[in-house]
Amino acid sequence: MHPPDNKASGLCALCGRTGVSITVHHLIPREMGGSHEPTAQLCHPCHKRLHALYTNEELAARLSSIAALQADEQIRLYLKWIRKQPPETIPRTRKSRAVRGGR
């Protein structure tokens, strides 16, 4: 599967891969008041993974910087894997129980 054609290609601030499809991630989710707060340029897989693993409340409260995200255990394991993948890789992502509301 190829990255969407309408997205810019560049460097992901989270995984560090280059030549990937880039999206804008609000470090504090917009619904939590982050519309005018800092953003980060993330590749599509990393962006999808964040929102699949964590609720907007969790992202706002404890994962509102690239450093905090990279230090998180679940993200560190994911980053170790995704960094080995070619830029065109778009893995399947399934939302966690916490995000689906099934805690």
PDB file of N, CA and C in Angstrom:
ATOM      1  N   MET A   1       0.851  -1.179   0.000  1.00  0.00           N
ATOM      2  CA  MET A   1       0.000   0.000   0.000  1.00  0.00           C
ATOM      3  C   MET A   1       0.891   1.235   0.000  1.00  0.00           C
ATOM      4  N   HIS A   2       0.519   2.248  -0.769  1.00  0.00           N
ATOM      5  CA  HIS A   2       1.312   3.463  -0.883  1.00  0.00           C
ATOM      6  C   HIS A   2       0.708   4.583  -0.047  1.00  0.00           C
ATOM      7  N   PRO A   3       1.561   5.538   0.400  1.00  0.00           N
ATOM      8  CA  PRO A   3       1.038   6.662   1.172  1.00  0.00           C
ATOM      9  C   PRO A   3       0.106   7.508   0.314  1.00  0.00           C
ATOM     10  N   PRO A   4      -0.826   8.220   0.946  1.00  0.00           N
ATOM     11  CA  PRO A   4      -1.735   9.074   0.186  1.00  0.00           C
ATOM     12  C   PRO A   4      -0.975  10.101  -0.648  1.00  0.00           C
ATOM     13  N   ASP A   5      -1.421  10.341  -1.870  1.00  0.00           N
ATOM     14  CA  ASP A   5      -0.742  11.264  -2.774  1.00  0.00           C
ATOM     15  C   ASP A   5      -0.881  12.719  -2.358  1.00  0.00           C
ATOM     16  N   ASN A   6      -1.905  13.045  -1.563  1.00  0.00           N
ATOM     17  CA  ASN A   6      -2.151  14.442  -1.214  1.00  0.00           C
ATOM     18  C   ASN A   6      -1.362  14.898   0.009  1.00  0.00           C
ATOM     19  N   LYS A   7      -0.521  14.084   0.563  1.00  0.00           N
ATOM     20  CA  LYS A   7       0.263  14.452   1.732  1.00  0.00           C
ATOM     21  C   LYS A   7       1.704  14.758   1.315  1.00  0.00           C
ATOM     22  N   ALA A   8       2.334  15.663   2.035  1.00  0.00           N
ATOM     23  CA  ALA A   8       3.724  15.997   1.775  1.00  0.00           C
ATOM     24  C   ALA A   8       4.614  14.836   2.188  1.00  0.00           C
ATOM     25  N   SER A   9       5.784  14.770   1.594  1.00  0.00           N
ATOM     26  CA  SER A   9       6.751  13.741   1.934  1.00  0.00           C
ATOM     27  C   SER A   9       7.877  14.406   2.718  1.00  0.00           C
ATOM     28  N   GLY A  10       8.329  13.752   3.779  1.00  0.00           N
ATOM     29  CA  GLY A  10       9.379  14.374   4.574  1.00  0.00           C
ATOM     30  C   GLY A  10       9.884  13.493   5.689  1.00  0.00           C
ATOM     31  N   LEU A  11      10.266  14.121   6.794  1.00  0.00           N
ATOM     32  CA  LEU A  11      10.862  13.472   7.956  1.00  0.00           C
ATOM     33  C   LEU A  11       9.849  13.406   9.092  1.00  0.00           C
ATOM     34  N   CYS A  12       9.667  12.217   9.659  1.00  0.00           N
ATOM     35  CA  CYS A  12       8.768  12.047  10.798  1.00  0.00           C
ATOM     36  C   CYS A  12       9.506  12.447  12.080  1.00  0.00           C
ATOM     37  N   ALA A  13       8.899  13.333  12.852  1.00  0.00           N
ATOM     38  CA  ALA A  13       9.509  13.802  14.105  1.00  0.00           C
ATOM     39  C   ALA A  13       9.542  12.713  15.171  1.00  0.00           C
ATOM     40  N   LEU A  14       8.721  11.681  15.044  1.00  0.00           N
ATOM     41  CA  LEU A  14       8.664  10.636  16.062  1.00  0.00           C
ATOM     42  C   LEU A  14       9.609   9.485  15.751  1.00  0.00           C
ATOM     43  N   CYS A  15       9.501   8.901  14.568  1.00  0.00           N
ATOM     44  CA  CYS A  15      10.328   7.727  14.243  1.00  0.00           C
ATOM     45  C   CYS A  15      11.619   8.090  13.521  1.00  0.00           C
ATOM     46  N   GLY A  16      11.680   9.276  12.925  1.00  0.00           N
ATOM     47  CA  GLY A  16      12.889   9.712  12.247  1.00  0.00           C
ATOM     48  C   GLY A  16      13.044   9.195  10.822  1.00  0.00           C
ATOM     49  N   ARG A  17      12.045   8.473  10.308  1.00  0.00           N
ATOM     50  CA  ARG A  17      12.157   7.985   8.934  1.00  0.00           C
ATOM     51  C   ARG A  17      11.981   9.142   7.962  1.00  0.00           C
ATOM     52  N   THR A  18      12.666   9.062   6.825  1.00  0.00           N
ATOM     53  CA  THR A  18      12.560  10.094   5.792  1.00  0.00           C
ATOM     54  C   THR A  18      11.811   9.550   4.587  1.00  0.00           C
ATOM     55  N   GLY A  19      11.303  10.460   3.774  1.00  0.00           N
ATOM     56  CA  GLY A  19      10.587  10.068   2.572  1.00  0.00           C
ATOM     57  C   GLY A  19       9.219   9.472   2.847  1.00  0.00           C
ATOM     58  N   VAL A  20       8.675   9.774   4.020  1.00  0.00           N
ATOM     59  CA  VAL A  20       7.377   9.231   4.420  1.00  0.00           C
ATOM     60  C   VAL A  20       6.283  10.272   4.221  1.00  0.00           C
ATOM     61  N   SER A  21       5.053   9.819   4.102  1.00  0.00           N
ATOM     62  CA  SER A  21       3.897  10.700   4.017  1.00  0.00           C
ATOM     63  C   SER A  21       3.722  11.377   5.373  1.00  0.00           C
ATOM     64  N   ILE A  22       3.661  12.706   5.363  1.00  0.00           N
ATOM     65  CA  ILE A  22       3.629  13.483   6.608  1.00  0.00           C
ATOM     66  C   ILE A  22       2.231  14.022   6.905  1.00  0.00           C
ATOM     67  N   THR A  23       1.839  13.933   8.177  1.00  0.00           N
ATOM     68  CA  THR A  23       0.592  14.515   8.657  1.00  0.00           C
ATOM     69  C   THR A  23       0.920  15.434   9.831  1.00  0.00           C
ATOM     70  N   VAL A  24      -0.017  16.289  10.181  1.00  0.00           N
ATOM     71  CA  VAL A  24       0.169  17.208  11.309  1.00  0.00           C
ATOM     72  C   VAL A  24      -0.509  16.615  12.542  1.00  0.00           C
ATOM     73  N   HIS A  25       0.271  16.463  13.614  1.00  0.00           N
ATOM     74  CA  HIS A  25      -0.256  15.953  14.885  1.00  0.00           C
ATOM     75  C   HIS A  25      -0.248  17.090  15.894  1.00  0.00           C
ATOM     76  N   HIS A  26      -1.396  17.383  16.467  1.00  0.00           N
ATOM     77  CA  HIS A  26      -1.482  18.381  17.537  1.00  0.00           C
ATOM     78  C   HIS A  26      -0.997  17.711  18.819  1.00  0.00           C
ATOM     79  N   LEU A  27       0.087  18.219  19.389  1.00  0.00           N
ATOM     80  CA  LEU A  27       0.667  17.601  20.585  1.00  0.00           C
ATOM     81  C   LEU A  27      -0.338  17.592  21.735  1.00  0.00           C
ATOM     82  N   ILE A  28      -1.151  18.627  21.829  1.00  0.00           N
ATOM     83  CA  ILE A  28      -2.309  18.618  22.721  1.00  0.00           C
ATOM     84  C   ILE A  28      -3.508  18.541  21.772  1.00  0.00           C
ATOM     85  N   PRO A  29      -4.279  17.462  21.845  1.00  0.00           N
ATOM     86  CA  PRO A  29      -5.390  17.295  20.896  1.00  0.00           C
ATOM     87  C   PRO A  29      -6.302  18.519  20.834  1.00  0.00           C
ATOM     88  N   ARG A  30      -6.805  18.786  19.640  1.00  0.00           N
ATOM     89  CA  ARG A  30      -7.671  19.953  19.437  1.00  0.00           C
ATOM     90  C   ARG A  30      -8.872  19.937  20.370  1.00  0.00           C
ATOM     91  N   GLU A  31      -9.467  18.768  20.582  1.00  0.00           N
ATOM     92  CA  GLU A  31     -10.649  18.710  21.451  1.00  0.00           C
ATOM     93  C   GLU A  31     -10.302  18.994  22.911  1.00  0.00           C
ATOM     94  N   MET A  32      -9.023  18.978  23.241  1.00  0.00           N
ATOM     95  CA  MET A  32      -8.575  19.271  24.599  1.00  0.00           C
ATOM     96  C   MET A  32      -7.998  20.697  24.681  1.00  0.00           C
ATOM     97  N   GLY A  33      -8.274  21.507  23.668  1.00  0.00           N
ATOM     98  CA  GLY A  33      -7.819  22.902  23.668  1.00  0.00           C
ATOM     99  C   GLY A  33      -6.515  23.148  22.947  1.00  0.00           C
ATOM    100  N   GLY A  34      -6.054  22.218  22.159  1.00  0.00           N
ATOM    101  CA  GLY A  34      -4.757  22.351  21.507  1.00  0.00           C
ATOM    102  C   GLY A  34      -4.754  22.900  20.099  1.00  0.00           C
ATOM    103  N   SER A  35      -5.848  23.517  19.682  1.00  0.00           N
ATOM    104  CA  SER A  35      -5.933  24.036  18.309  1.00  0.00           C
ATOM    105  C   SER A  35      -4.804  25.000  17.967  1.00  0.00           C
ATOM    106  N   HIS A  36      -4.398  25.815  18.924  1.00  0.00           N
ATOM    107  CA  HIS A  36      -3.373  26.827  18.667  1.00  0.00           C
ATOM    108  C   HIS A  36      -2.069  26.505  19.401  1.00  0.00           C
ATOM    109  N   GLU A  37      -1.938  25.261  19.816  1.00  0.00           N
ATOM    110  CA  GLU A  37      -0.727  24.805  20.506  1.00  0.00           C
ATOM    111  C   GLU A  37       0.239  24.192  19.489  1.00  0.00           C
ATOM    112  N   PRO A  38       1.457  23.861  19.906  1.00  0.00           N
ATOM    113  CA  PRO A  38       2.443  23.292  18.981  1.00  0.00           C
ATOM    114  C   PRO A  38       1.966  21.988  18.326  1.00  0.00           C
ATOM    115  N   THR A  39       2.470  21.768  17.121  1.00  0.00           N
ATOM    116  CA  THR A  39       2.184  20.550  16.368  1.00  0.00           C
ATOM    117  C   THR A  39       3.490  19.862  16.024  1.00  0.00           C
ATOM    118  N   ALA A  40       3.389  18.636  15.556  1.00  0.00           N
ATOM    119  CA  ALA A  40       4.561  17.878  15.108  1.00  0.00           C
ATOM    120  C   ALA A  40       4.229  17.235  13.775  1.00  0.00           C
ATOM    121  N   GLN A  41       5.225  17.098  12.929  1.00  0.00           N
ATOM    122  CA  GLN A  41       5.073  16.450  11.634  1.00  0.00           C
ATOM    123  C   GLN A  41       5.356  14.957  11.824  1.00  0.00           C
ATOM    124  N   LEU A  42       4.310  14.139  11.697  1.00  0.00           N
ATOM    125  CA  LEU A  42       4.445  12.698  11.889  1.00  0.00           C
ATOM    126  C   LEU A  42       4.078  11.951  10.626  1.00  0.00           C
ATOM    127  N   CYS A  43       4.713  10.799  10.430  1.00  0.00           N
ATOM    128  CA  CYS A  43       4.314   9.951   9.316  1.00  0.00           C
ATOM    129  C   CYS A  43       2.950   9.347   9.644  1.00  0.00           C
ATOM    130  N   HIS A  44       2.260   8.948   8.612  1.00  0.00           N
ATOM    131  CA  HIS A  44       0.908   8.416   8.762  1.00  0.00           C
ATOM    132  C   HIS A  44       0.861   7.230   9.745  1.00  0.00           C
ATOM    133  N   PRO A  45       1.767   6.238   9.647  1.00  0.00           N
ATOM    134  CA  PRO A  45       1.717   5.113  10.596  1.00  0.00           C
ATOM    135  C   PRO A  45       1.908   5.531  12.052  1.00  0.00           C
ATOM    136  N   CYS A  46       2.849   6.432  12.323  1.00  0.00           N
ATOM    137  CA  CYS A  46       3.082   6.870  13.707  1.00  0.00           C
ATOM    138  C   CYS A  46       1.863   7.619  14.237  1.00  0.00           C
ATOM    139  N   HIS A  47       1.291   8.487  13.418  1.00  0.00           N
ATOM    140  CA  HIS A  47       0.130   9.261  13.837  1.00  0.00           C
ATOM    141  C   HIS A  47      -1.043   8.332  14.155  1.00  0.00           C
ATOM    142  N   LYS A  48      -1.286   7.363  13.276  1.00  0.00           N
ATOM    143  CA  LYS A  48      -2.371   6.414  13.514  1.00  0.00           C
ATOM    144  C   LYS A  48      -2.121   5.602  14.783  1.00  0.00           C
ATOM    145  N   ARG A  49      -0.873   5.202  15.020  1.00  0.00           N
ATOM    146  CA  ARG A  49      -0.532   4.393  16.194  1.00  0.00           C
ATOM    147  C   ARG A  49      -0.819   5.163  17.481  1.00  0.00           C
ATOM    148  N   LEU A  50      -0.453   6.434  17.527  1.00  0.00           N
ATOM    149  CA  LEU A  50      -0.696   7.239  18.735  1.00  0.00           C
ATOM    150  C   LEU A  50      -2.177   7.274  19.083  1.00  0.00           C
ATOM    151  N   HIS A  51      -2.998   7.545  18.075  1.00  0.00           N
ATOM    152  CA  HIS A  51      -4.426   7.667  18.331  1.00  0.00           C
ATOM    153  C   HIS A  51      -5.104   6.314  18.528  1.00  0.00           C
ATOM    154  N   ALA A  52      -4.444   5.243  18.130  1.00  0.00           N
ATOM    155  CA  ALA A  52      -4.977   3.902  18.386  1.00  0.00           C
ATOM    156  C   ALA A  52      -4.652   3.440  19.801  1.00  0.00           C
ATOM    157  N   LEU A  53      -3.514   3.867  20.329  1.00  0.00           N
ATOM    158  CA  LEU A  53      -3.081   3.428  21.659  1.00  0.00           C
ATOM    159  C   LEU A  53      -3.624   4.276  22.797  1.00  0.00           C
ATOM    160  N   TYR A  54      -3.791   5.570  22.548  1.00  0.00           N
ATOM    161  CA  TYR A  54      -4.098   6.492  23.641  1.00  0.00           C
ATOM    162  C   TYR A  54      -5.323   7.344  23.359  1.00  0.00           C
ATOM    163  N   THR A  55      -6.054   7.630  24.409  1.00  0.00           N
ATOM    164  CA  THR A  55      -7.178   8.560  24.294  1.00  0.00           C
ATOM    165  C   THR A  55      -6.623   9.982  24.195  1.00  0.00           C
ATOM    166  N   ASN A  56      -7.449  10.913  23.754  1.00  0.00           N
ATOM    167  CA  ASN A  56      -7.025  12.309  23.694  1.00  0.00           C
ATOM    168  C   ASN A  56      -6.683  12.835  25.079  1.00  0.00           C
ATOM    169  N   GLU A  57      -7.387  12.344  26.098  1.00  0.00           N
ATOM    170  CA  GLU A  57      -7.103  12.762  27.472  1.00  0.00           C
ATOM    171  C   GLU A  57      -5.687  12.340  27.879  1.00  0.00           C
ATOM    172  N   GLU A  58      -5.303  11.101  27.542  1.00  0.00           N
ATOM    173  CA  GLU A  58      -3.954  10.630  27.872  1.00  0.00           C
ATOM    174  C   GLU A  58      -2.899  11.420  27.114  1.00  0.00           C
ATOM    175  N   LEU A  59      -3.149  11.662  25.827  1.00  0.00           N
ATOM    176  CA  LEU A  59      -2.186  12.415  25.026  1.00  0.00           C
ATOM    177  C   LEU A  59      -1.987  13.807  25.615  1.00  0.00           C
ATOM    178  N   ALA A  60      -3.051  14.472  26.017  1.00  0.00           N
ATOM    179  CA  ALA A  60      -2.961  15.826  26.572  1.00  0.00           C
ATOM    180  C   ALA A  60      -2.274  15.831  27.935  1.00  0.00           C
ATOM    181  N   ALA A  61      -2.596  14.851  28.779  1.00  0.00           N
ATOM    182  CA  ALA A  61      -2.105  14.850  30.158  1.00  0.00           C
ATOM    183  C   ALA A  61      -0.641  14.436  30.296  1.00  0.00           C
ATOM    184  N   ARG A  62      -0.223  13.412  29.556  1.00  0.00           N
ATOM    185  CA  ARG A  62       1.134  12.910  29.811  1.00  0.00           C
ATOM    186  C   ARG A  62       1.998  12.679  28.579  1.00  0.00           C
ATOM    187  N   LEU A  63       1.436  12.851  27.383  1.00  0.00           N
ATOM    188  CA  LEU A  63       2.200  12.576  26.164  1.00  0.00           C
ATOM    189  C   LEU A  63       2.118  13.751  25.190  1.00  0.00           C
ATOM    190  N   SER A  64       2.337  14.951  25.691  1.00  0.00           N
ATOM    191  CA  SER A  64       2.158  16.149  24.877  1.00  0.00           C
ATOM    192  C   SER A  64       3.458  16.713  24.307  1.00  0.00           C
ATOM    193  N   SER A  65       4.488  15.868  24.231  1.00  0.00           N
ATOM    194  CA  SER A  65       5.739  16.280  23.579  1.00  0.00           C
ATOM    195  C   SER A  65       6.341  15.062  22.872  1.00  0.00           C
ATOM    196  N   ILE A  66       7.193  15.331  21.917  1.00  0.00           N
ATOM    197  CA  ILE A  66       7.855  14.229  21.206  1.00  0.00           C
ATOM    198  C   ILE A  66       8.713  13.431  22.180  1.00  0.00           C
ATOM    199  N   ALA A  67       9.406  14.106  23.084  1.00  0.00           N
ATOM    200  CA  ALA A  67      10.254  13.411  24.062  1.00  0.00           C
ATOM    201  C   ALA A  67       9.426  12.484  24.949  1.00  0.00           C
ATOM    202  N   ALA A  68       8.271  12.953  25.404  1.00  0.00           N
ATOM    203  CA  ALA A  68       7.405  12.124  26.246  1.00  0.00           C
ATOM    204  C   ALA A  68       6.887  10.923  25.460  1.00  0.00           C
ATOM    205  N   LEU A  69       6.520  11.139  24.218  1.00  0.00           N
ATOM    206  CA  LEU A  69       6.050  10.027  23.380  1.00  0.00           C
ATOM    207  C   LEU A  69       7.158   8.993  23.179  1.00  0.00           C
ATOM    208  N   GLN A  70       8.363   9.454  22.862  1.00  0.00           N
ATOM    209  CA  GLN A  70       9.480   8.538  22.615  1.00  0.00           C
ATOM    210  C   GLN A  70       9.898   7.783  23.865  1.00  0.00           C
ATOM    211  N   ALA A  71       9.619   8.326  25.037  1.00  0.00           N
ATOM    212  CA  ALA A  71       9.967   7.668  26.293  1.00  0.00           C
ATOM    213  C   ALA A  71       8.919   6.644  26.729  1.00  0.00           C
ATOM    214  N   ASP A  72       7.726   6.714  26.175  1.00  0.00           N
ATOM    215  CA  ASP A  72       6.651   5.795  26.538  1.00  0.00           C
ATOM    216  C   ASP A  72       6.997   4.376  26.076  1.00  0.00           C
ATOM    217  N   GLU A  73       6.790   3.398  26.940  1.00  0.00           N
ATOM    218  CA  GLU A  73       7.187   2.008  26.649  1.00  0.00           C
ATOM    219  C   GLU A  73       6.508   1.446  25.399  1.00  0.00           C
ATOM    220  N   GLN A  74       5.210   1.640  25.268  1.00  0.00           N
ATOM    221  CA  GLN A  74       4.510   1.098  24.097  1.00  0.00           C
ATOM    222  C   GLN A  74       5.004   1.737  22.803  1.00  0.00           C
ATOM    223  N   ILE A  75       5.246   3.029  22.835  1.00  0.00           N
ATOM    224  CA  ILE A  75       5.726   3.726  21.647  1.00  0.00           C
ATOM    225  C   ILE A  75       7.172   3.325  21.345  1.00  0.00           C
ATOM    226  N   ARG A  76       7.988   3.167  22.371  1.00  0.00           N
ATOM    227  CA  ARG A  76       9.385   2.755  22.138  1.00  0.00           C
ATOM    228  C   ARG A  76       9.454   1.422  21.403  1.00  0.00           C
ATOM    229  N   LEU A  77       8.619   0.471  21.811  1.00  0.00           N
ATOM    230  CA  LEU A  77       8.596  -0.829  21.131  1.00  0.00           C
ATOM    231  C   LEU A  77       8.149  -0.682  19.684  1.00  0.00           C
ATOM    232  N   TYR A  78       7.126   0.129  19.456  1.00  0.00           N
ATOM    233  CA  TYR A  78       6.643   0.383  18.103  1.00  0.00           C
ATOM    234  C   TYR A  78       7.731   1.059  17.263  1.00  0.00           C
ATOM    235  N   LEU A  79       8.399   2.068  17.828  1.00  0.00           N
ATOM    236  CA  LEU A  79       9.440   2.790  17.090  1.00  0.00           C
ATOM    237  C   LEU A  79      10.587   1.874  16.696  1.00  0.00           C
ATOM    238  N   LYS A  80      10.937   0.959  17.573  1.00  0.00           N
ATOM    239  CA  LYS A  80      12.004   0.001  17.270  1.00  0.00           C
ATOM    240  C   LYS A  80      11.655  -0.797  16.013  1.00  0.00           C
ATOM    241  N   TRP A  81      10.379  -1.151  15.859  1.00  0.00           N
ATOM    242  CA  TRP A  81       9.934  -1.916  14.705  1.00  0.00           C
ATOM    243  C   TRP A  81       9.779  -1.031  13.458  1.00  0.00           C
ATOM    244  N   ILE A  82       9.085   0.096  13.576  1.00  0.00           N
ATOM    245  CA  ILE A  82       8.758   0.908  12.397  1.00  0.00           C
ATOM    246  C   ILE A  82      10.006   1.497  11.752  1.00  0.00           C
ATOM    247  N   ARG A  83      11.023   1.775  12.534  1.00  0.00           N
ATOM    248  CA  ARG A  83      12.259   2.355  11.968  1.00  0.00           C
ATOM    249  C   ARG A  83      12.930   1.423  10.969  1.00  0.00           C
ATOM    250  N   LYS A  84      12.636   0.127  11.047  1.00  0.00           N
ATOM    251  CA  LYS A  84      13.210  -0.854  10.133  1.00  0.00           C
ATOM    252  C   LYS A  84      12.382  -1.018   8.857  1.00  0.00           C
ATOM    253  N   GLN A  85      11.218  -0.375   8.810  1.00  0.00           N
ATOM    254  CA  GLN A  85      10.297  -0.544   7.686  1.00  0.00           C
ATOM    255  C   GLN A  85      10.564   0.501   6.600  1.00  0.00           C
ATOM    256  N   PRO A  86      10.330   0.140   5.335  1.00  0.00           N
ATOM    257  CA  PRO A  86      10.498   1.119   4.250  1.00  0.00           C
ATOM    258  C   PRO A  86       9.440   2.216   4.348  1.00  0.00           C
ATOM    259  N   PRO A  87       9.723   3.397   3.776  1.00  0.00           N
ATOM    260  CA  PRO A  87       8.804   4.538   3.887  1.00  0.00           C
ATOM    261  C   PRO A  87       7.390   4.268   3.394  1.00  0.00           C
ATOM    262  N   GLU A  88       7.229   3.394   2.435  1.00  0.00           N
ATOM    263  CA  GLU A  88       5.889   3.150   1.889  1.00  0.00           C
ATOM    264  C   GLU A  88       5.045   2.201   2.735  1.00  0.00           C
ATOM    265  N   THR A  89       5.622   1.645   3.806  1.00  0.00           N
ATOM    266  CA  THR A  89       4.886   0.728   4.675  1.00  0.00           C
ATOM    267  C   THR A  89       3.796   1.461   5.450  1.00  0.00           C
ATOM    268  N   ILE A  90       2.559   0.970   5.316  1.00  0.00           N
ATOM    269  CA  ILE A  90       1.426   1.483   6.092  1.00  0.00           C
ATOM    270  C   ILE A  90       0.821   0.270   6.806  1.00  0.00           C
ATOM    271  N   PRO A  91       1.264   0.012   8.038  1.00  0.00           N
ATOM    272  CA  PRO A  91       0.765  -1.175   8.742  1.00  0.00           C
ATOM    273  C   PRO A  91      -0.686  -1.019   9.189  1.00  0.00           C
ATOM    274  N   ARG A  92      -1.350  -2.145   9.365  1.00  0.00           N
ATOM    275  CA  ARG A  92      -2.702  -2.116   9.915  1.00  0.00           C
ATOM    276  C   ARG A  92      -2.621  -1.671  11.365  1.00  0.00           C
ATOM    277  N   THR A  93      -3.584  -0.879  11.768  1.00  0.00           N
ATOM    278  CA  THR A  93      -3.607  -0.375  13.133  1.00  0.00           C
ATOM    279  C   THR A  93      -4.969  -0.664  13.734  1.00  0.00           C
ATOM    280  N   ARG A  94      -4.963  -1.251  14.922  1.00  0.00           N
ATOM    281  CA  ARG A  94      -6.204  -1.544  15.629  1.00  0.00           C
ATOM    282  C   ARG A  94      -6.232  -0.734  16.916  1.00  0.00           C
ATOM    283  N   LYS A  95      -7.358  -0.114  17.191  1.00  0.00           N
ATOM    284  CA  LYS A  95      -7.472   0.700  18.401  1.00  0.00           C
ATOM    285  C   LYS A  95      -7.429  -0.188  19.646  1.00  0.00           C
ATOM    286  N   SER A  96      -6.784   0.317  20.695  1.00  0.00           N
ATOM    287  CA  SER A  96      -6.704  -0.401  21.960  1.00  0.00           C
ATOM    288  C   SER A  96      -8.074  -0.396  22.643  1.00  0.00           C
ATOM    289  N   ARG A  97      -8.251  -1.261  23.617  1.00  0.00           N
ATOM    290  CA  ARG A  97      -9.506  -1.296  24.373  1.00  0.00           C
ATOM    291  C   ARG A  97      -9.809   0.024  25.040  1.00  0.00           C
ATOM    292  N   ALA A  98      -8.749   0.673  25.566  1.00  0.00           N
ATOM    293  CA  ALA A  98      -8.935   1.953  26.252  1.00  0.00           C
ATOM    294  C   ALA A  98      -9.513   2.992  25.304  1.00  0.00           C
ATOM    295  N   VAL A  99      -9.030   3.011  24.068  1.00  0.00           N
ATOM    296  CA  VAL A  99      -9.507   3.987  23.092  1.00  0.00           C
ATOM    297  C   VAL A  99     -10.906   3.610  22.616  1.00  0.00           C
ATOM    298  N   ARG A 100     -11.174   2.313  22.474  1.00  0.00           N
ATOM    299  CA  ARG A 100     -12.496   1.864  22.047  1.00  0.00           C
ATOM    300  C   ARG A 100     -13.529   2.028  23.147  1.00  0.00           C
ATOM    301  N   GLY A 101     -13.085   2.257  24.384  1.00  0.00           N
ATOM    302  CA  GLY A 101     -14.012   2.457  25.489  1.00  0.00           C
ATOM    303  C   GLY A 101     -14.284   1.198  26.293  1.00  0.00           C
ATOM    304  N   GLY A 102     -13.454   0.181  26.127  1.00  0.00           N
ATOM    305  CA  GLY A 102     -13.686  -1.071  26.827  1.00  0.00           C
ATOM    306  C   GLY A 102     -12.745  -1.356  27.968  1.00  0.00           C
ATOM    307  N   ARG A 103     -12.329  -0.347  28.672  1.00  0.00           N
ATOM    308  CA  ARG A 103     -11.377  -0.533  29.775  1.00  0.00           C
ATOM    309  C   ARG A 103     -11.787  -1.597  30.681  1.00  0.00           C
TER     310      ARG A 103
END
